[in-house]
C-alpha atoms as a PDB file:
ATOM      1  CA  MET A   1      11.929  -1.936 -45.941  1.00  0.00           C
ATOM      2  CA  ALA A   2      11.850   1.560 -43.855  1.00  0.00           C
ATOM      3  CA  GLU A   3      14.702   1.857 -41.408  1.00  0.00           C
ATOM      4  CA  TYR A   4      14.083   2.623 -37.833  1.00  0.00           C
ATOM      5  CA  ARG A   5      15.416   6.196 -38.328  1.00  0.00           C
ATOM      6  CA  GLU A   6      12.793   6.748 -41.004  1.00  0.00           C
ATOM      7  CA  ILE A   7      10.026   5.333 -38.827  1.00  0.00           C
ATOM      8  CA  GLN A   8      10.953   7.197 -35.583  1.00  0.00           C
ATOM      9  CA  GLY A   9      12.693  10.254 -37.031  1.00  0.00           C
ATOM     10  CA  ALA A  10      15.954   9.427 -35.163  1.00  0.00           C
ATOM     11  CA  ALA A  11      18.572   6.858 -34.851  1.00  0.00           C
ATOM     12  CA  VAL A  12      18.864   4.256 -32.094  1.00  0.00           C
ATOM     13  CA  GLN A  13      20.477   6.003 -29.182  1.00  0.00           C
ATOM     14  CA  SER A  14      23.281   4.609 -27.002  1.00  0.00           C
ATOM     15  CA  LEU A  15      22.234   4.994 -23.351  1.00  0.00           C
ATOM     16  CA  ALA A  16      23.545   3.790 -19.880  1.00  0.00           C
ATOM     17  CA  SER A  17      19.998   3.221 -18.639  1.00  0.00           C
ATOM     18  CA  SER A  18      16.447   3.583 -19.516  1.00  0.00           C
ATOM     19  CA  THR A  19      16.161   7.152 -18.150  1.00  0.00           C
ATOM     20  CA  GLY A  20      14.178   9.499 -20.441  1.00  0.00           C
ATOM     21  CA  THR A  21      12.983   6.682 -22.799  1.00  0.00           C
ATOM     22  CA  ILE A  22       9.417   6.757 -23.966  1.00  0.00           C
ATOM     23  CA  GLU A  23       6.997   3.879 -24.891  1.00  0.00           C
ATOM     24  CA  GLY A  24       7.874   2.410 -28.164  1.00  0.00           C
ATOM     25  CA  GLN A  25      11.420   3.561 -27.969  1.00  0.00           C
ATOM     26  CA  ILE A  26      14.351   1.214 -28.920  1.00  0.00           C
ATOM     27  CA  TRP A  27      17.799   1.860 -27.608  1.00  0.00           C
ATOM     28  CA  TYR A  28      21.319   0.276 -27.048  1.00  0.00           C
ATOM     29  CA  ASP A  29      22.084  -0.361 -23.331  1.00  0.00           C
ATOM     30  CA  ASN A  30      25.891   0.385 -23.524  1.00  0.00           C
ATOM     31  CA  VAL A  31      26.306  -0.951 -19.981  1.00  0.00           C
ATOM     32  CA  ASN A  32      25.059  -4.527 -20.560  1.00  0.00           C
ATOM     33  CA  GLY A  33      25.667  -4.608 -24.190  1.00  0.00           C
ATOM     34  CA  VAL A  34      22.054  -5.268 -25.421  1.00  0.00           C
ATOM     35  CA  PHE A  35      19.271  -3.558 -27.402  1.00  0.00           C
ATOM     36  CA  LYS A  36      16.188  -2.702 -25.364  1.00  0.00           C
ATOM     37  CA  LEU A  37      12.647  -1.717 -25.916  1.00  0.00           C
ATOM     38  CA  GLU A  38      10.314   0.371 -23.642  1.00  0.00           C
ATOM     39  CA  ALA A  39       6.992  -1.426 -24.172  1.00  0.00           C
ATOM     40  CA  ALA A  40       3.699  -1.505 -22.176  1.00  0.00           C
ATOM     41  CA  THR A  41       2.387  -4.290 -20.200  1.00  0.00           C
ATOM     42  CA  ILE A  42      -0.698  -6.004 -21.830  1.00  0.00           C
ATOM     43  CA  SER A  43      -2.150  -6.938 -18.404  1.00  0.00           C
ATOM     44  CA  GLY A  44      -1.440  -6.525 -14.699  1.00  0.00           C
ATOM     45  CA  ALA A  45       1.322  -8.775 -13.218  1.00  0.00           C
ATOM     46  CA  TRP A  46       2.828  -9.540  -9.859  1.00  0.00           C
ATOM     47  CA  ALA A  47       6.600 -10.109  -9.408  1.00  0.00           C
ATOM     48  CA  THR A  48       8.694 -11.279  -6.473  1.00  0.00           C
ATOM     49  CA  GLY A  49      10.580  -8.607  -4.664  1.00  0.00           C
ATOM     50  CA  GLY A  50      13.253  -8.673  -1.776  1.00  0.00           C
ATOM     51  CA  VAL A  51      12.871 -10.622   1.293  1.00  0.00           C
ATOM     52  CA  TYR A  52      11.680  -8.786   4.312  1.00  0.00           C
ATOM     53  CA  PRO A  53      14.008  -9.003   7.334  1.00  0.00           C
ATOM     54  CA  THR A  54      11.432 -11.193   9.441  1.00  0.00           C
ATOM     55  CA  ASN A  55       8.360 -13.109   8.968  1.00  0.00           C
ATOM     56  CA  SER A  56       5.932 -10.331   9.929  1.00  0.00           C
ATOM     57  CA  THR A  57       2.148  -9.609   9.702  1.00  0.00           C
ATOM     58  CA  THR A  58      -0.171  -6.819  10.711  1.00  0.00           C
ATOM     59  CA  MET A  59       2.580  -4.459   9.725  1.00  0.00           C
ATOM     60  CA  SER A  60       2.145  -0.748   8.464  1.00  0.00           C
ATOM     61  CA  GLY A  61       3.865   0.802   5.315  1.00  0.00           C
ATOM     62  CA  ALA A  62       4.334   3.885   3.328  1.00  0.00           C
ATOM     63  CA  GLY A  63       6.078   5.175   0.193  1.00  0.00           C
ATOM     64  CA  THR A  64       6.518   4.002  -3.271  1.00  0.00           C
ATOM     65  CA  GLN A  65       7.163   0.708  -4.872  1.00  0.00           C
ATOM     66  CA  THR A  66      10.995   1.566  -5.296  1.00  0.00           C
ATOM     67  CA  ALA A  67      11.207   3.725  -1.982  1.00  0.00           C
ATOM     68  CA  ALA A  68       9.199   2.270   0.655  1.00  0.00           C
ATOM     69  CA  ILE A  69       9.242   1.817   4.472  1.00  0.00           C
ATOM     70  CA  ALA A  70       7.528  -0.900   6.648  1.00  0.00           C
ATOM     71  CA  PHE A  71       7.280  -0.742  10.271  1.00  0.00           C
ATOM     72  CA  GLY A  72       5.675  -2.522  13.380  1.00  0.00           C
ATOM     73  CA  GLY A  73       3.549  -5.683  13.344  1.00  0.00           C
ATOM     74  CA  ARG A  74       4.231  -9.035  14.900  1.00  0.00           C
ATOM     75  CA  VAL A  75       6.523 -12.027  14.175  1.00  0.00           C
ATOM     76  CA  ASN A  76       4.514 -14.668  12.342  1.00  0.00           C
ATOM     77  CA  PRO A  77       4.334 -17.432  13.461  1.00  0.00           C
ATOM     78  CA  GLY A  78       4.818 -16.541  17.251  1.00  0.00           C
ATOM     79  CA  PRO A  79       5.940 -15.104  19.453  1.00  0.00           C
ATOM     80  CA  ASN A  80       2.632 -13.107  18.917  1.00  0.00           C
ATOM     81  CA  GLY A  81       3.804  -9.926  20.678  1.00  0.00           C
ATOM     82  CA  PRO A  82       4.263  -6.756  18.798  1.00  0.00           C
ATOM     83  CA  THR A  83       7.635  -5.743  17.214  1.00  0.00           C
ATOM     84  CA  ASN A  84       9.475  -2.494  16.966  1.00  0.00           C
ATOM     85  CA  ILE A  85      11.088  -3.412  13.548  1.00  0.00           C
ATOM     86  CA  SER A  86      11.478  -0.819  10.911  1.00  0.00           C
ATOM     87  CA  ALA A  87      12.978  -1.219   7.361  1.00  0.00           C
ATOM     88  CA  THR A  88      13.323   0.408   4.079  1.00  0.00           C
ATOM     89  CA  TYR A  89      13.032  -0.946   0.520  1.00  0.00           C
ATOM     90  CA  ASP A  90      14.931   0.340  -2.644  1.00  0.00           C
ATOM     91  CA  GLY A  91      13.042  -1.588  -5.149  1.00  0.00           C
ATOM     92  CA  SER A  92      15.085  -4.885  -4.808  1.00  0.00           C
ATOM     93  CA  SER A  93      16.235  -5.168  -1.075  1.00  0.00           C
ATOM     94  CA  TRP A  94      15.125  -4.371   2.425  1.00  0.00           C
ATOM     95  CA  THR A  95      17.543  -2.484   4.728  1.00  0.00           C
ATOM     96  CA  ALA A  96      16.880  -2.240   8.611  1.00  0.00           C
ATOM     97  CA  THR A  97      16.410   1.245   9.861  1.00  0.00           C
ATOM     98  CA  PRO A  98      16.166   2.531  13.480  1.00  0.00           C
ATOM     99  CA  PRO A  99      13.090   0.851  15.418  1.00  0.00           C
ATOM    100  CA  ILE A 100       9.953   2.438  16.241  1.00  0.00           C
ATOM    101  CA  ASN A 101       9.849   3.720  19.930  1.00  0.00           C
ATOM    102  CA  THR A 102       6.902   1.629  21.011  1.00  0.00           C
ATOM    103  CA  SER A 103       6.440  -1.952  19.626  1.00  0.00           C
ATOM    104  CA  ARG A 104       2.941  -2.342  18.242  1.00  0.00           C
ATOM    105  CA  ARG A 105       0.854  -4.141  15.549  1.00  0.00           C
ATOM    106  CA  ASP A 106      -2.062  -3.289  13.522  1.00  0.00           C
ATOM    107  CA  ALA A 107      -1.346   0.526  13.337  1.00  0.00           C
ATOM    108  CA  GLY A 108      -2.576   3.012  10.760  1.00  0.00           C
ATOM    109  CA  SER A 109      -0.112   4.891   8.611  1.00  0.00           C
ATOM    110  CA  ALA A 110      -0.040   7.794   6.067  1.00  0.00           C
ATOM    111  CA  LYS A 111       0.672   5.242   3.415  1.00  0.00           C
ATOM    112  CA  ASN A 112       1.256   7.819   0.624  1.00  0.00           C
ATOM    113  CA  GLY A 113       4.095   9.344   2.773  1.00  0.00           C
ATOM    114  CA  SER A 114       7.723   8.697   1.916  1.00  0.00           C
ATOM    115  CA  GLN A 115      10.332   6.491   3.601  1.00  0.00           C
ATOM    116  CA  THR A 116      11.726   9.728   5.051  1.00  0.00           C
ATOM    117  CA  ALA A 117       8.540  11.063   6.148  1.00  0.00           C
ATOM    118  CA  ALA A 118       6.398   8.463   7.565  1.00  0.00           C
ATOM    119  CA  LEU A 119       3.505   8.559  10.096  1.00  0.00           C
ATOM    120  CA  MET A 120       2.417   5.670  12.370  1.00  0.00           C
ATOM    121  CA  ILE A 121      -1.134   5.907  13.869  1.00  0.00           C
ATOM    122  CA  ALA A 122      -2.264   4.132  17.095  1.00  0.00           C
ATOM    123  CA  GLY A 123      -2.359   0.345  17.122  1.00  0.00           C
ATOM    124  CA  TYR A 124      -2.066  -2.517  19.672  1.00  0.00           C
ATOM    125  CA  ILE A 125       0.584  -2.884  22.276  1.00  0.00           C
ATOM    126  CA  SER A 126      -0.914  -5.216  25.056  1.00  0.00           C
ATOM    127  CA  THR A 127      -4.064  -3.274  24.600  1.00  0.00           C
ATOM    128  CA  GLU A 128      -5.139  -0.652  22.142  1.00  0.00           C
ATOM    129  CA  THR A 129      -3.134   2.567  22.088  1.00  0.00           C
ATOM    130  CA  ASN A 130      -3.585   6.210  20.605  1.00  0.00           C
ATOM    131  CA  ALA A 131       0.101   6.933  20.516  1.00  0.00           C
ATOM    132  CA  CYS A 132       1.484   8.248  17.249  1.00  0.00           C
ATOM    133  CA  GLU A 133       5.150   8.451  15.882  1.00  0.00           C
ATOM    134  CA  GLU A 134       6.831  10.006  12.942  1.00  0.00           C
ATOM    135  CA  TYR A 135       9.943   9.069  10.972  1.00  0.00           C
ATOM    136  CA  ASN A 136      12.234  11.696   9.387  1.00  0.00           C
ATOM    137  CA  GLY A 137      14.742   9.253   7.514  1.00  0.00           C
ATOM    138  CA  SER A 138      16.945   8.702  10.673  1.00  0.00           C
ATOM    139  CA  THR A 139      14.748   8.424  13.816  1.00  0.00           C
ATOM    140  CA  TRP A 140      11.242   7.918  15.049  1.00  0.00           C
ATOM    141  CA  THR A 141       9.734  10.618  17.246  1.00  0.00           C
ATOM    142  CA  SER A 142       6.581  10.451  19.359  1.00  0.00           C
ATOM    143  CA  VAL A 143       4.026  12.991  18.455  1.00  0.00           C
ATOM    144  CA  ASN A 144       0.661  14.185  19.494  1.00  0.00           C
ATOM    145  CA  ASN A 145      -1.690  11.210  20.267  1.00  0.00           C
ATOM    146  CA  TYR A 146      -4.761  10.233  18.143  1.00  0.00           C
ATOM    147  CA  PRO A 147      -7.538  12.347  19.539  1.00  0.00           C
ATOM    148  CA  VAL A 148     -10.087   9.741  20.167  1.00  0.00           C
ATOM    149  CA  SER A 149     -10.320   6.425  21.894  1.00  0.00           C
ATOM    150  CA  ALA A 150      -7.269   4.314  21.611  1.00  0.00           C
ATOM    151  CA  ARG A 151      -7.595   1.726  18.702  1.00  0.00           C
ATOM    152  CA  GLU A 152      -6.329  -0.787  16.363  1.00  0.00           C
ATOM    153  CA  HIS A 153      -6.900  -1.589  12.805  1.00  0.00           C
ATOM    154  CA  ASP A 154      -7.565   1.943  11.969  1.00  0.00           C
ATOM    155  CA  GLN A 155      -7.270   2.795   8.349  1.00  0.00           C
ATOM    156  CA  GLY A 156      -4.950   5.510   7.300  1.00  0.00           C
ATOM    157  CA  THR A 157      -3.896   7.260   4.113  1.00  0.00           C
ATOM    158  CA  GLY A 158      -2.354  10.551   2.935  1.00  0.00           C
ATOM    159  CA  ILE A 159       1.073  11.902   3.916  1.00  0.00           C
ATOM    160  CA  GLN A 160       2.711  12.806   7.009  1.00  0.00           C
ATOM    161  CA  THR A 161       1.643  16.582   6.907  1.00  0.00           C
ATOM    162  CA  SER A 162      -1.921  15.779   5.684  1.00  0.00           C
ATOM    163  CA  ALA A 163      -3.306  12.498   6.813  1.00  0.00           C
ATOM    164  CA  LEU A 164      -6.688  10.875   7.197  1.00  0.00           C
ATOM    165  CA  CYS A 165      -7.580   8.015   9.509  1.00  0.00           C
ATOM    166  CA  SER A 166     -10.987   6.482   9.917  1.00  0.00           C
ATOM    167  CA  ALA A 167     -12.676   3.547  11.548  1.00  0.00           C
ATOM    168  CA  GLY A 168     -10.883   0.861  13.749  1.00  0.00           C
ATOM    169  CA  TYR A 169     -11.636  -1.267  16.786  1.00  0.00           C
ATOM    170  CA  THR A 170     -11.617  -0.247  20.476  1.00  0.00           C
ATOM    171  CA  GLY A 171     -13.700  -2.973  22.027  1.00  0.00           C
ATOM    172  CA  SER A 172     -16.318  -2.554  19.234  1.00  0.00           C
ATOM    173  CA  TYR A 173     -16.090  -1.491  15.736  1.00  0.00           C
ATOM    174  CA  ILE A 174     -16.039   2.349  15.201  1.00  0.00           C
ATOM    175  CA  THR A 175     -16.901   4.910  12.450  1.00  0.00           C
ATOM    176  CA  THR A 176     -14.804   8.161  13.640  1.00  0.00           C
ATOM    177  CA  THR A 177     -12.890  10.126  11.192  1.00  0.00           C
ATOM    178  CA  CYS A 178      -9.722  12.296  12.001  1.00  0.00           C
ATOM    179  CA  THR A 179      -7.250  14.349  10.121  1.00  0.00           C
ATOM    180  CA  TYR A 180      -3.711  15.312  10.771  1.00  0.00           C
ATOM    181  CA  ASP A 181      -1.714  18.461   9.681  1.00  0.00           C
ATOM    182  CA  GLY A 182       1.764  17.363  10.593  1.00  0.00           C
ATOM    183  CA  THR A 183       1.326  18.790  14.159  1.00  0.00           C
ATOM    184  CA  SER A 184      -2.270  18.377  15.494  1.00  0.00           C
ATOM    185  CA  TRP A 185      -5.149  15.846  15.028  1.00  0.00           C
ATOM    186  CA  THR A 186      -8.604  16.932  14.409  1.00  0.00           C
ATOM    187  CA  ALA A 187     -11.544  14.638  15.265  1.00  0.00           C
ATOM    188  CA  LEU A 188     -14.200  15.587  12.654  1.00  0.00           C
ATOM    189  CA  GLY A 189     -17.244  14.103  14.155  1.00  0.00           C
ATOM    190  CA  ALA A 190     -20.775  14.025  12.413  1.00  0.00           C
ATOM    191  CA  PRO A 191     -21.419  14.245   9.575  1.00  0.00           C
ATOM    192  CA  SER A 192     -17.905  13.009   8.830  1.00  0.00           C
ATOM    193  CA  ASP A 193     -18.152   9.609  10.330  1.00  0.00           C
ATOM    194  CA  MET A 194     -18.223   6.633   8.252  1.00  0.00           C
ATOM    195  CA  ASN A 195     -21.530   5.009   7.315  1.00  0.00           C
ATOM    196  CA  SER A 196     -20.588   1.579   8.433  1.00  0.00           C
ATOM    197  CA  ALA A 197     -18.503   0.819  11.492  1.00  0.00           C
ATOM    198  CA  ARG A 198     -15.577  -1.556  10.593  1.00  0.00           C
ATOM    199  CA  PHE A 199     -12.031  -2.324  11.081  1.00  0.00           C
ATOM    200  CA  ALA A 200      -9.468  -4.260   9.060  1.00  0.00           C
ATOM    201  CA  GLY A 201     -10.349  -2.494   5.870  1.00  0.00           C
ATOM    202  CA  THR A 202      -7.894  -0.746   3.651  1.00  0.00           C
ATOM    203  CA  THR A 203      -7.932   3.022   2.590  1.00  0.00           C
ATOM    204  CA  SER A 204      -6.126   4.717  -0.453  1.00  0.00           C
ATOM    205  CA  GLY A 205      -6.051   8.234  -1.577  1.00  0.00           C
ATOM    206  CA  THR A 206      -5.516  11.657   0.078  1.00  0.00           C
ATOM    207  CA  GLU A 207      -6.988  13.612   2.899  1.00  0.00           C
ATOM    208  CA  ALA A 208      -9.202  15.156   0.394  1.00  0.00           C
ATOM    209  CA  ALA A 209     -10.278  12.229  -1.650  1.00  0.00           C
ATOM    210  CA  ALA A 210     -10.055   8.565  -0.505  1.00  0.00           C
ATOM    211  CA  VAL A 211     -11.750   5.218  -0.785  1.00  0.00           C
ATOM    212  CA  MET A 212     -11.995   2.464   1.751  1.00  0.00           C
ATOM    213  CA  PHE A 213     -12.489  -1.195   0.841  1.00  0.00           C
ATOM    214  CA  ALA A 214     -14.167  -3.707   2.932  1.00  0.00           C
ATOM    215  CA  GLY A 215     -13.527  -4.306   6.573  1.00  0.00           C
ATOM    216  CA  THR A 216     -14.833  -6.693   9.253  1.00  0.00           C
ATOM    217  CA  GLY A 217     -18.417  -5.385  10.025  1.00  0.00           C
ATOM    218  CA  ALA A 218     -18.938  -4.110   6.568  1.00  0.00           C
ATOM    219  CA  ALA A 219     -17.646  -6.984   4.314  1.00  0.00           C
ATOM    220  CA  GLY A 220     -17.959  -6.007   0.591  1.00  0.00           C
ATOM    221  CA  ASN A 221     -18.779  -2.553   1.297  1.00  0.00           C
ATOM    222  CA  ILE A 222     -17.037   0.334  -0.133  1.00  0.00           C
ATOM    223  CA  GLU A 223     -17.029   3.993   1.011  1.00  0.00           C
ATOM    224  CA  THR A 224     -15.640   7.090  -0.593  1.00  0.00           C
ATOM    225  CA  TRP A 225     -14.486  10.210   0.984  1.00  0.00           C
ATOM    226  CA  ASP A 226     -14.878  13.830  -0.485  1.00  0.00           C
ATOM    227  CA  GLY A 227     -12.991  15.755   1.975  1.00  0.00           C
ATOM    228  CA  SER A 228     -15.979  16.155   4.447  1.00  0.00           C
ATOM    229  CA  THR A 229     -18.438  13.221   4.149  1.00  0.00           C
ATOM    230  CA  TRP A 230     -18.214   9.350   3.389  1.00  0.00           C
ATOM    231  CA  SER A 231     -20.656   8.037   0.912  1.00  0.00           C
ATOM    232  CA  GLU A 232     -21.516   4.288   0.392  1.00  0.00           C
ATOM    233  CA  GLU A 233     -20.907   3.016  -3.211  1.00  0.00           C
ATOM    234  CA  ALA A 234     -23.089   0.389  -4.853  1.00  0.00           C
ATOM    235  CA  ALA A 235     -20.141  -1.654  -6.291  1.00  0.00           C
ATOM    236  CA  THR A 236     -19.111  -4.896  -4.838  1.00  0.00           C
ATOM    237  CA  PHE A 237     -15.978  -6.897  -5.054  1.00  0.00           C
ATOM    238  CA  ASN A 238     -15.686 -10.047  -7.341  1.00  0.00           C
ATOM    239  CA  THR A 239     -14.116 -11.725  -4.461  1.00  0.00           C
ATOM    240  CA  PRO A 240     -15.406 -10.476  -1.023  1.00  0.00           C
ATOM    241  CA  ARG A 241     -12.637 -10.373   1.658  1.00  0.00           C
ATOM    242  CA  ASN A 242     -11.332  -8.381   4.512  1.00  0.00           C
ATOM    243  CA  ALA A 243      -7.859  -7.336   5.801  1.00  0.00           C
ATOM    244  CA  GLY A 244      -6.550  -6.968   2.288  1.00  0.00           C
ATOM    245  CA  GLY A 245      -4.017  -4.364   0.893  1.00  0.00           C
ATOM    246  CA  SER A 246      -4.609  -1.417  -1.390  1.00  0.00           C
ATOM    247  CA  ALA A 247      -2.707   1.359  -3.410  1.00  0.00           C
ATOM    248  CA  GLY A 248      -3.652   4.309  -5.504  1.00  0.00           C
ATOM    249  CA  THR A 249      -6.158   6.968  -5.415  1.00  0.00           C
ATOM    250  CA  SER A 250     -10.034   7.225  -4.848  1.00  0.00           C
ATOM    251  CA  ILE A 251     -10.675   6.763  -8.588  1.00  0.00           C
ATOM    252  CA  ASP A 252      -7.695   4.586  -9.618  1.00  0.00           C
ATOM    253  CA  ALA A 253      -6.662   1.942  -7.152  1.00  0.00           C
ATOM    254  CA  VAL A 254      -5.891  -1.693  -6.941  1.00  0.00           C
ATOM    255  CA  PHE A 255      -7.191  -3.961  -3.981  1.00  0.00           C
ATOM    256  CA  PHE A 256      -5.233  -7.204  -3.397  1.00  0.00           C
ATOM    257  CA  GLY A 257      -5.106 -10.252  -0.981  1.00  0.00           C
ATOM    258  CA  GLY A 258      -7.352 -10.504   2.121  1.00  0.00           C
ATOM    259  CA  GLU A 259      -9.038 -13.155   4.227  1.00  0.00           C
ATOM    260  CA  THR A 260     -12.055 -14.850   2.983  1.00  0.00           C
ATOM    261  CA  PRO A 261     -14.445 -16.908   5.171  1.00  0.00           C
ATOM    262  CA  GLY A 262     -12.691 -20.041   6.489  1.00  0.00           C
ATOM    263  CA  PRO A 263     -10.377 -18.255   7.177  1.00  0.00           C
ATOM    264  CA  THR A 264      -8.549 -18.587   3.964  1.00  0.00           C
ATOM    265  CA  ALA A 265      -5.889 -16.296   2.640  1.00  0.00           C
ATOM    266  CA  SER A 266      -6.785 -14.828  -0.741  1.00  0.00           C
ATOM    267  CA  ASN A 267      -4.537 -13.896  -3.719  1.00  0.00           C
ATOM    268  CA  ALA A 268      -7.262 -12.148  -5.622  1.00  0.00           C
ATOM    269  CA  THR A 269      -6.349  -8.862  -7.148  1.00  0.00           C
ATOM    270  CA  GLU A 270      -8.919  -6.236  -8.505  1.00  0.00           C
ATOM    271  CA  THR A 271      -8.679  -2.728  -9.908  1.00  0.00           C
ATOM    272  CA  TRP A 272     -11.000   0.214  -9.008  1.00  0.00           C
ATOM    273  CA  ASP A 273     -11.800   2.992 -11.317  1.00  0.00           C
ATOM    274  CA  GLY A 274     -14.170   4.951  -9.001  1.00  0.00           C
ATOM    275  CA  THR A 275     -17.226   3.192 -10.056  1.00  0.00           C
ATOM    276  CA  SER A 276     -16.412  -0.638 -10.474  1.00  0.00           C
ATOM    277  CA  PHE A 277     -14.001  -3.440  -9.961  1.00  0.00           C
ATOM    278  CA  ALA A 278     -12.349  -5.515 -12.532  1.00  0.00           C
ATOM    279  CA  THR A 279     -10.319  -8.791 -11.862  1.00  0.00           C
ATOM    280  CA  THR A 280      -6.644  -8.647 -12.836  1.00  0.00           C
ATOM    281  CA  ALA A 281      -3.636 -11.035 -12.229  1.00  0.00           C
ATOM    282  CA  ASN A 282      -3.553 -12.900  -8.954  1.00  0.00           C
ATOM    283  CA  MET A 283      -0.820 -12.364  -6.248  1.00  0.00           C
ATOM    284  CA  THR A 284       1.769 -15.221  -6.294  1.00  0.00           C
ATOM    285  CA  THR A 285       0.873 -16.095  -2.644  1.00  0.00           C
ATOM    286  CA  GLY A 286      -2.288 -15.518  -0.840  1.00  0.00           C
ATOM    287  CA  ARG A 287      -2.067 -13.411   2.232  1.00  0.00           C
ATOM    288  CA  TYR A 288      -3.852 -10.839   4.431  1.00  0.00           C
ATOM    289  CA  SER A 289      -2.933  -8.054   6.997  1.00  0.00           C
ATOM    290  CA  MET A 290       0.114  -7.018   5.046  1.00  0.00           C
ATOM    291  CA  ALA A 291       1.877  -3.751   4.638  1.00  0.00           C
ATOM    292  CA  CYS A 292       0.896  -1.980   1.371  1.00  0.00           C
ATOM    293  CA  ASN A 293       1.721   1.175  -0.366  1.00  0.00           C
ATOM    294  CA  GLY A 294       2.399   2.505  -3.872  1.00  0.00           C
ATOM    295  CA  THR A 295       0.053   3.388  -6.764  1.00  0.00           C
ATOM    296  CA  ALA A 296      -2.464   1.464  -8.841  1.00  0.00           C
ATOM    297  CA  SER A 297       0.051   0.829 -11.669  1.00  0.00           C
ATOM    298  CA  ALA A 298       2.963   0.146  -9.069  1.00  0.00           C
ATOM    299  CA  ALA A 299       1.957  -1.399  -5.953  1.00  0.00           C
ATOM    300  CA  LEU A 300       3.858  -3.065  -2.954  1.00  0.00           C
ATOM    301  CA  SER A 301       2.691  -5.777  -0.678  1.00  0.00           C
ATOM    302  CA  THR A 302       4.921  -6.700   2.316  1.00  0.00           C
ATOM    303  CA  GLY A 303       4.684  -9.634   4.690  1.00  0.00           C
ATOM    304  CA  GLY A 304       1.254 -10.781   6.041  1.00  0.00           C
ATOM    305  CA  SER A 305      -0.603 -13.800   7.349  1.00  0.00           C
ATOM    306  CA  GLY A 306      -1.445 -16.959   5.575  1.00  0.00           C
ATOM    307  CA  GLY A 307       1.713 -17.533   3.621  1.00  0.00           C
ATOM    308  CA  GLY A 308       3.200 -14.057   2.846  1.00  0.00           C
ATOM    309  CA  GLN A 309       5.132 -13.687   6.088  1.00  0.00           C
ATOM    310  CA  ASN A 310       8.631 -12.359   4.757  1.00  0.00           C
ATOM    311  CA  ALA A 311       7.644 -12.057   1.095  1.00  0.00           C
ATOM    312  CA  THR A 312       7.461  -8.902  -0.943  1.00  0.00           C
ATOM    313  CA  GLU A 313       5.584  -8.750  -4.125  1.00  0.00           C
ATOM    314  CA  GLU A 314       5.450  -5.845  -6.698  1.00  0.00           C
ATOM    315  CA  PHE A 315       2.446  -5.242  -8.867  1.00  0.00           C
ATOM    316  CA  THR A 316       2.540  -3.631 -12.345  1.00  0.00           C
ATOM    317  CA  GLY A 317      -0.607  -2.420 -13.710  1.00  0.00           C
ATOM    318  CA  ALA A 318      -1.822  -2.888 -17.262  1.00  0.00           C
ATOM    319  CA  GLY A 319      -0.352  -0.530 -19.743  1.00  0.00           C
ATOM    320  CA  ALA A 320       2.439   0.610 -17.298  1.00  0.00           C
ATOM    321  CA  PRO A 321       6.013   1.053 -18.988  1.00  0.00           C
ATOM    322  CA  GLU A 322       8.127  -2.173 -19.017  1.00  0.00           C
ATOM    323  CA  THR A 323      11.529  -2.422 -20.161  1.00  0.00           C
ATOM    324  CA  ARG A 324      12.356  -5.437 -22.363  1.00  0.00           C
ATOM    325  CA  THR A 325      15.494  -6.934 -23.749  1.00  0.00           C
ATOM    326  CA  ILE A 326      15.497  -7.604 -27.395  1.00  0.00           C
ATOM    327  CA  THR A 327      16.913 -11.051 -28.154  1.00  0.00           C
ATOM    328  CA  THR A 328      17.052 -13.246 -31.296  1.00  0.00           C
ATOM    329  CA  THR A 329      15.931 -16.896 -31.457  1.00  0.00           C
END
């Protein structure tokens, strides 16, 4: 029988961690005294993460699965007023950070930003607001206001210095699209407005290429953004719902949770390849109006209504690297 060295062209390495390993590699973890294998997941899967500091819903989020920040929202259940809570996540636990300046819920965010460069966009205080704040890793600072009507449930994506925000609610559903360059907002106007007025959708991607999933007023409707205009897509969800979460790019995203008619909290999860949706592993707990961020292969869902509250769930997409411990039975 061929030995591992003959098959791989090298002996089993002794490593202190999985840093630098590649798919198919076996190594000896000299910290824990076990052999490990860098495999690939066969299908998508959700796993339980750290507990968020409070039972919260309608929060905003940014960052990656292992370096995230969540902020704002409201305590769930009651009192129903908005909060100023902010916390960061290291892949296993949450740590309280300085609070936002103005308590609010249902704010937009530059969800691809980092936990040291976050952007909070508009939201609801005791009425809709157009106030915005930036986080630099130690403090929240008020910055230029959103350039059009105060709104809530607006849908943001991108990073702190290159953000996109569209739709929302300000007494009625709206279609406006605005961009942010790290200092100033620009209201683009027609023909950059969305085709369908909506709120409580979810957007993923960048300022130049994004996708918006669902939203009240446009349930089941998907629109993609090419940097100048929104286009309606023919694709529909396998499980229609609103107020879900998403992560990824305009052509490689995951859409999860949400609220179905009833209302009922959904745990459905679907992947998006730029053309169509495919069903993958359900969330452990159905929820909607959660904070969300990450990528299609490594997404994070935090808090939410309908059962999520202070729970964090981590999604690993099909084919993503997975470290396994080798055991004998």
